[in-house]
């Protein structure tokens, strides 16, 4: 950044004062909270996160220095909650990534499942389970629930990648079949009640002495 574009010392000082004021407001909101879902606490949290992020940026631009703290959610990954205060329905949006680390193991396990089910000699996916990875995956996920596959993924030659679970609120339950053609099209981050993320990046953060949990559990909307 050029000198002309750098923030002034006064601007950095003003941003620091804004963080102090936001800290006071957050503490006051916490002390006066009326319950676990007090919106005043949530608003104060967001204000503190925004003030801290602004100060951190100005501090770096002016002095090439950073702050020693990080507020979860300050990166905008969890926007302010805008769903119903009293949801009458919930949607769970789940994504789990896997790498096919051992194709031979995957094929062997799928072939075994097909033989147990008596489908190995028939036409269709069961007949191709031992030679086709696509057919093997179809047999595997047709036999086991996703949670069981998650707990036994190594047994099936799979390697875990990132995963996330979104719990989103709705006014009412959709009509049967309403969203089946596009199940994730209307996923709205502003309706997230809570989210839970798992990623190796959190382990890397711990190794680097940064804040982070093995399970990056997103803060519940308050």
Protein backbone atom coordinates (compact mmCIF):
# COMPACT_ATOMS: atom_id res chain seq x y z
CA UNK A 1 0.00 0.00 0.00
CA UNK A 2 1.36 3.47 -0.86
CA UNK A 3 1.92 6.12 1.80
CA UNK A 4 -0.89 8.22 0.34
CA UNK A 5 -3.36 5.40 0.82
CA UNK A 6 -2.31 4.48 4.34
CA UNK A 7 -4.69 5.23 7.20
CA UNK A 8 -3.61 7.97 9.57
CA UNK A 9 -2.49 7.37 13.13
CA UNK A 10 -5.67 9.09 14.26
CA UNK A 11 -7.81 6.65 12.26
CA UNK A 12 -6.05 3.70 13.85
CA UNK A 13 -6.53 5.24 17.29
CA UNK A 14 -10.22 5.82 16.57
CA UNK A 15 -10.61 2.19 15.50
CA UNK A 16 -8.96 1.06 18.74
CA UNK A 17 -11.40 3.20 20.74
CA UNK A 18 -14.26 1.64 18.77
CA UNK A 19 -13.06 -1.82 19.83
CA UNK A 20 -12.97 -0.73 23.47
CA UNK A 21 -16.50 0.63 23.24
CA UNK A 22 -17.70 -2.54 21.51
CA UNK A 23 -16.13 -4.63 24.28
CA UNK A 24 -18.01 -2.62 26.89
CA UNK A 25 -21.29 -3.00 24.98
CA UNK A 26 -20.75 -6.74 24.60
CA UNK A 27 -20.02 -7.21 28.30
CA UNK A 28 -23.05 -5.15 29.26
CA UNK A 29 -25.25 -7.21 26.93
CA UNK A 30 -23.92 -10.44 28.41
CA UNK A 31 -24.49 -9.20 31.96
CA UNK A 32 -28.08 -8.24 31.10
CA UNK A 33 -28.93 -11.21 28.91
CA UNK A 34 -32.45 -12.54 29.30
CA UNK A 35 -31.78 -16.05 28.03
CA UNK A 36 -29.66 -18.21 25.74
CA UNK A 37 -31.22 -16.61 22.64
CA UNK A 38 -30.98 -12.96 23.69
CA UNK A 39 -30.70 -10.97 20.42
CA UNK A 40 -28.89 -8.13 22.21
CA UNK A 41 -25.94 -10.43 22.93
CA UNK A 42 -25.83 -11.58 19.33
CA UNK A 43 -25.92 -8.00 18.02
CA UNK A 44 -23.18 -6.95 20.45
CA UNK A 45 -21.07 -9.92 19.36
CA UNK A 46 -21.36 -8.94 15.71
CA UNK A 47 -20.55 -5.31 16.51
CA UNK A 48 -17.45 -6.39 18.42
CA UNK A 49 -16.37 -8.71 15.60
CA UNK A 50 -16.75 -5.92 13.04
CA UNK A 51 -14.89 -3.37 15.16
CA UNK A 52 -12.04 -5.79 15.85
CA UNK A 53 -11.70 -6.69 12.18
CA UNK A 54 -11.64 -3.02 11.15
CA UNK A 55 -8.99 -2.23 13.76
CA UNK A 56 -6.87 -5.19 12.73
CA UNK A 57 -6.90 -4.07 9.08
CA UNK A 58 -6.03 -0.45 9.88
CA UNK A 59 -3.31 -1.53 12.31
CA UNK A 60 -1.72 -3.69 9.65
CA UNK A 61 -2.01 -1.08 6.91
CA UNK A 62 -0.48 1.64 9.07
CA UNK A 63 2.09 -0.22 11.17
CA UNK A 64 2.44 -3.64 9.52
CA UNK A 65 1.27 -5.18 12.80
CA UNK A 66 -1.55 -7.56 13.73
CA UNK A 67 -3.64 -8.23 16.83
CA UNK A 68 -3.11 -11.38 18.94
CA UNK A 69 -6.77 -12.31 19.04
CA UNK A 70 -9.39 -13.58 16.64
CA UNK A 71 -13.16 -13.49 17.11
CA UNK A 72 -15.00 -16.51 15.66
CA UNK A 73 -17.34 -15.55 12.86
CA UNK A 74 -15.58 -12.28 12.12
CA UNK A 75 -14.78 -13.49 8.62
CA UNK A 76 -18.44 -13.36 7.72
CA UNK A 77 -18.82 -17.14 7.45
CA UNK A 78 -21.88 -16.97 9.68
CA UNK A 79 -24.00 -13.92 8.80
CA UNK A 80 -26.55 -12.41 11.19
CA UNK A 81 -29.49 -14.71 11.78
CA UNK A 82 -32.57 -13.60 9.84
CA UNK A 83 -34.84 -16.62 10.26
CA UNK A 84 -37.98 -17.02 12.38
CA UNK A 85 -37.70 -16.39 16.12
CA UNK A 86 -39.90 -19.43 16.78
CA UNK A 87 -39.16 -21.93 13.99
CA UNK A 88 -41.74 -24.64 13.45
CA UNK A 89 -39.50 -26.74 11.21
CA UNK A 90 -35.80 -27.50 10.77
CA UNK A 91 -33.67 -28.62 7.84
CA UNK A 92 -30.33 -30.41 8.27
CA UNK A 93 -27.93 -29.80 5.39
CA UNK A 94 -24.97 -32.18 5.48
CA UNK A 95 -21.89 -32.38 3.30
CA UNK A 96 -19.11 -34.94 3.80
CA UNK A 97 -16.20 -35.24 1.38
CA UNK A 98 -14.26 -38.46 0.84
CA UNK A 99 -11.28 -39.41 -1.27
CA UNK A 100 -11.20 -42.90 -2.77
CA UNK A 101 -7.86 -43.71 -1.18
CA UNK A 102 -7.85 -47.47 -1.81
CA UNK A 103 -9.87 -48.37 -4.93
CA UNK A 104 -9.12 -52.09 -4.62
CA UNK A 105 -10.48 -52.17 -1.08
CA UNK A 106 -13.61 -50.30 -2.22
CA UNK A 107 -14.20 -52.80 -5.03
CA UNK A 108 -13.60 -55.80 -2.78
CA UNK A 109 -16.02 -54.57 -0.12
CA UNK A 110 -18.70 -53.77 -2.68
CA UNK A 111 -18.28 -57.21 -4.24
CA UNK A 112 -18.66 -58.81 -0.81
CA UNK A 113 -21.85 -56.84 -0.13
CA UNK A 114 -23.29 -57.81 -3.51
CA UNK A 115 -22.50 -61.50 -2.88
CA UNK A 116 -24.18 -61.39 0.52
CA UNK A 117 -27.26 -59.81 -1.05
CA UNK A 118 -27.24 -62.38 -3.84
CA UNK A 119 -26.75 -59.74 -6.54
CA UNK A 120 -23.23 -60.53 -7.68
CA UNK A 121 -24.37 -62.72 -10.55
CA UNK A 122 -27.31 -60.57 -11.58
CA UNK A 123 -27.36 -57.73 -14.03
CA UNK A 124 -27.14 -54.17 -12.73
CA UNK A 125 -24.85 -52.51 -10.17
CA UNK A 126 -24.39 -55.68 -8.13
CA UNK A 127 -22.81 -57.51 -11.07
CA UNK A 128 -20.32 -54.70 -11.67
CA UNK A 129 -19.58 -53.97 -7.99
CA UNK A 130 -16.18 -55.67 -8.07
CA UNK A 131 -14.90 -53.98 -11.21
CA UNK A 132 -16.58 -50.58 -11.47
CA UNK A 133 -15.88 -47.87 -8.84
CA UNK A 134 -19.15 -46.13 -9.74
CA UNK A 135 -21.12 -49.33 -9.23
CA UNK A 136 -19.18 -50.05 -6.04
CA UNK A 137 -20.12 -46.68 -4.59
CA UNK A 138 -23.74 -47.26 -5.52
CA UNK A 139 -23.74 -50.61 -3.72
CA UNK A 140 -21.94 -49.18 -0.69
CA UNK A 141 -24.23 -46.21 -0.19
CA UNK A 142 -27.26 -48.32 -0.99
CA UNK A 143 -26.39 -50.75 1.79
CA UNK A 144 -25.25 -48.47 4.60
CA UNK A 145 -26.51 -45.27 6.17
CA UNK A 146 -24.20 -42.25 5.72
CA UNK A 147 -23.39 -42.17 9.46
CA UNK A 148 -22.23 -45.80 9.35
CA UNK A 149 -20.07 -45.11 6.31
CA UNK A 150 -18.57 -42.14 8.16
CA UNK A 151 -17.64 -44.35 11.13
CA UNK A 152 -16.26 -47.14 8.91
CA UNK A 153 -14.83 -45.16 5.99
CA UNK A 154 -11.33 -46.68 6.22
CA UNK A 155 -12.84 -50.14 5.98
CA UNK A 156 -14.31 -49.14 2.61
CA UNK A 157 -11.09 -47.63 1.26
CA UNK A 158 -12.23 -44.03 1.78
CA UNK A 159 -10.37 -41.10 3.32
CA UNK A 160 -12.25 -38.32 5.07
CA UNK A 161 -12.10 -34.74 3.79
CA UNK A 162 -13.94 -31.73 5.17
CA UNK A 163 -17.49 -32.03 6.46
CA UNK A 164 -20.17 -29.63 7.61
CA UNK A 165 -23.62 -29.75 9.14
CA UNK A 166 -26.04 -26.82 8.88
CA UNK A 167 -29.13 -26.68 11.04
CA UNK A 168 -31.47 -24.16 9.42
CA UNK A 169 -34.84 -22.85 10.64
CA UNK A 170 -38.07 -22.59 8.69
CA UNK A 171 -41.56 -21.29 9.29
CA UNK A 172 -43.17 -24.60 8.34
CA UNK A 173 -42.31 -27.99 6.92
CA UNK A 174 -42.20 -28.02 3.09
CA UNK A 175 -44.76 -30.04 1.18
CA UNK A 176 -43.70 -33.65 0.42
CA UNK A 177 -41.48 -33.73 -2.66
CA UNK A 178 -41.35 -29.93 -2.89
CA UNK A 179 -37.55 -29.57 -2.92
CA UNK A 180 -36.38 -33.00 -4.08
CA UNK A 181 -35.38 -31.79 -7.55
CA UNK A 182 -33.05 -29.12 -6.09
CA UNK A 183 -32.45 -29.95 -2.42
CA UNK A 184 -29.72 -27.36 -1.78
CA UNK A 185 -30.86 -24.57 -4.06
CA UNK A 186 -32.47 -22.51 -1.30
CA UNK A 187 -29.86 -23.09 1.42
CA UNK A 188 -29.84 -19.75 3.25
CA UNK A 189 -26.87 -18.97 5.57
CA UNK A 190 -29.01 -16.32 7.30
CA UNK A 191 -31.35 -19.07 8.55
CA UNK A 192 -28.60 -21.09 10.22
CA UNK A 193 -29.44 -21.88 13.82
CA UNK A 194 -26.04 -23.53 14.27
CA UNK A 195 -23.40 -25.21 12.14
CA UNK A 196 -20.63 -27.68 12.84
CA UNK A 197 -17.53 -27.96 10.66
CA UNK A 198 -14.78 -30.59 10.68
CA UNK A 199 -11.56 -30.01 8.75
CA UNK A 200 -7.88 -30.83 9.00
CA UNK A 201 -7.25 -27.09 8.75
CA UNK A 202 -8.19 -26.82 12.43
CA UNK A 203 -5.46 -29.31 13.30
CA UNK A 204 -3.00 -27.24 11.27
CA UNK A 205 -4.06 -24.13 13.19
CA UNK A 206 -3.35 -25.90 16.48
CA UNK A 207 0.09 -26.97 15.25
CA UNK A 208 0.78 -23.33 14.37
CA UNK A 209 -0.29 -22.09 17.81
CA UNK A 210 -3.41 -20.47 16.37
CA UNK A 211 -6.87 -20.61 17.85
CA UNK A 212 -8.92 -23.51 16.50
CA UNK A 213 -10.75 -26.65 17.48
CA UNK A 214 -10.51 -30.09 15.99
CA UNK A 215 -14.17 -29.73 15.24
CA UNK A 216 -14.76 -26.19 14.01
CA UNK A 217 -18.18 -25.83 15.55
CA UNK A 218 -19.90 -22.72 14.29
CA UNK A 219 -21.41 -20.43 16.90
CA UNK A 220 -25.12 -20.91 17.41
CA UNK A 221 -27.30 -18.06 16.22
CA UNK A 222 -28.50 -16.17 19.27
